[in-house]
Amino acid sequence: MKWMVAAMVLALGGCVSVEELEQSRETLNVMSGKTPREYADCVKRKLADTRDPLQEEAHGSGLRLIVPQKLTAGAGPAALLDIDKRGSGSAIKVYERLNNFPLRLGDVRTSATECISGS
């Protein structure tokens, strides 16, 4: 059953680029009291066990994290996190591939949410 779901996700999703993710509707748009560096380090730490290393880029007044696909390497990003500096904290926007597919993997959104105020 798990293989069938994975195959369906791959068939429906196709490849998507960072630019296409930026044009999609964000799945999370929140503020955090953490600096962009603190928030990015938290997300990277939480996803370290389930994903290949995240790509980090300087972006505007903050950071951008590009999350690789979990099931298919080299098939484009699974998610994009834009973390902008706002006052003493951060404004975070998360864009996920298959954002309207209810069976998508939840580790990115869970990590992003837990890092808002947690450690």
Protein backbone atom coordinates (compact mmCIF):
# COMPACT_ATOMS: atom_id res chain seq x y z
CA MET A 1 0.00 0.00 0.00
CA LYS A 2 2.80 2.44 0.86
CA TRP A 3 4.42 1.81 -2.53
CA MET A 4 1.17 2.56 -4.28
CA VAL A 5 0.83 5.89 -2.48
CA ALA A 6 4.46 6.79 -3.26
CA ALA A 7 3.99 5.93 -6.93
CA MET A 8 0.82 8.02 -7.05
CA VAL A 9 2.61 10.99 -5.48
CA LEU A 10 5.39 10.77 -8.05
CA ALA A 11 2.97 10.43 -10.94
CA LEU A 12 0.82 13.37 -9.86
CA GLY A 13 3.63 15.64 -8.78
CA GLY A 14 6.13 15.68 -11.60
CA CYS A 15 9.13 17.96 -11.28
CA VAL A 16 8.82 21.44 -9.91
CA SER A 17 11.41 24.21 -9.71
CA VAL A 18 12.13 26.78 -7.01
CA GLU A 19 10.58 29.44 -9.24
CA GLU A 20 7.37 27.42 -9.59
CA LEU A 21 7.21 26.90 -5.82
CA GLU A 22 7.55 30.67 -5.31
CA GLN A 23 4.53 31.22 -7.56
CA SER A 24 2.36 28.77 -5.61
CA ARG A 25 0.33 29.65 -2.53
CA GLU A 26 2.27 29.33 0.71
CA THR A 27 1.21 26.55 3.06
CA LEU A 28 2.50 28.40 6.13
CA ASN A 29 2.93 32.14 6.70
CA VAL A 30 3.94 32.97 10.28
CA MET A 31 6.17 35.11 12.50
CA SER A 32 8.76 33.84 14.96
CA GLY A 33 10.77 35.48 17.72
CA LYS A 34 13.84 33.64 16.43
CA THR A 35 16.37 35.24 14.11
CA PRO A 36 16.54 33.82 10.57
CA ARG A 37 19.74 31.93 11.53
CA GLU A 38 18.20 30.39 14.67
CA TYR A 39 15.06 29.36 12.80
CA ALA A 40 16.97 27.91 9.81
CA ASP A 41 19.28 25.93 12.10
CA CYS A 42 16.27 24.52 13.96
CA VAL A 43 14.55 23.38 10.75
CA LYS A 44 17.75 21.85 9.39
CA ARG A 45 18.31 19.98 12.66
CA LYS A 46 14.74 18.61 12.69
CA LEU A 47 14.88 17.47 9.05
CA ALA A 48 18.37 15.97 9.29
CA ASP A 49 17.04 12.47 10.01
CA THR A 50 14.44 12.39 7.24
CA ARG A 51 15.97 14.41 4.38
CA ASP A 52 19.25 14.88 2.57
CA PRO A 53 21.01 18.13 3.60
CA LEU A 54 19.01 21.26 2.90
CA GLN A 55 20.43 23.88 0.56
CA GLU A 56 20.78 27.29 2.20
CA GLU A 57 21.01 30.63 0.39
CA ALA A 58 21.16 34.23 1.52
CA HIS A 59 17.87 35.80 0.47
CA GLY A 60 16.98 39.46 0.91
CA SER A 61 17.30 40.25 4.61
CA GLY A 62 17.24 36.61 5.64
CA LEU A 63 17.71 33.07 4.43
CA ARG A 64 16.14 30.62 2.04
CA LEU A 65 16.09 26.87 2.67
CA ILE A 66 15.50 24.51 -0.23
CA VAL A 67 14.29 21.12 0.98
CA PRO A 68 15.12 18.14 -1.27
CA GLN A 69 12.59 15.49 -2.23
CA LYS A 70 12.42 12.58 0.16
CA LEU A 71 11.63 9.76 -2.26
CA THR A 72 13.30 10.86 -5.51
CA ALA A 73 16.71 12.49 -5.54
CA GLY A 74 17.31 15.16 -8.17
CA ALA A 75 13.61 15.65 -8.96
CA GLY A 76 13.50 19.26 -7.85
CA PRO A 77 12.75 20.67 -4.41
CA ALA A 78 10.03 19.35 -2.14
CA ALA A 79 9.66 22.63 -0.29
CA LEU A 80 11.00 26.14 -0.01
CA LEU A 81 11.25 28.15 3.21
CA ASP A 82 11.75 31.91 2.94
CA ILE A 83 12.89 33.30 6.30
CA ASP A 84 13.07 37.10 6.38
CA LYS A 85 14.33 39.26 9.23
CA ARG A 86 11.53 41.23 10.91
CA GLY A 87 12.53 43.35 13.90
CA SER A 88 14.20 41.00 16.37
CA GLY A 89 12.54 37.92 14.84
CA SER A 90 11.56 36.42 11.51
CA ALA A 91 8.72 36.20 9.01
CA ILE A 92 8.50 32.69 7.58
CA LYS A 93 6.79 31.50 4.43
CA VAL A 94 6.73 27.82 3.51
CA TYR A 95 5.93 26.68 -0.03
CA GLU A 96 5.42 22.94 -0.52
CA ARG A 97 5.25 20.80 -3.62
CA LEU A 98 1.85 19.11 -3.87
CA ASN A 99 0.46 21.66 -1.42
CA ASN A 100 -3.13 20.66 -2.22
CA PHE A 101 -2.49 16.90 -2.02
CA PRO A 102 -3.77 15.63 1.36
CA LEU A 103 -1.42 12.62 1.50
CA ARG A 104 1.83 14.61 1.11
CA LEU A 105 4.59 13.92 3.60
CA GLY A 106 4.23 16.11 6.68
CA ASP A 107 7.79 16.32 8.00
CA VAL A 108 8.52 19.74 6.45
CA ARG A 109 5.40 21.43 7.80
CA THR A 110 5.79 19.75 11.20
CA SER A 111 9.42 20.89 11.50
CA ALA A 112 8.58 24.40 10.31
CA THR A 113 5.75 24.68 12.86
CA GLU A 114 7.72 23.21 15.77
CA CYS A 115 10.59 25.65 15.16
CA ILE A 116 8.40 28.77 15.41
CA SER A 117 8.83 28.98 19.17
CA GLY A 118 10.31 25.60 20.13
CA SER A 119 13.88 24.45 19.95
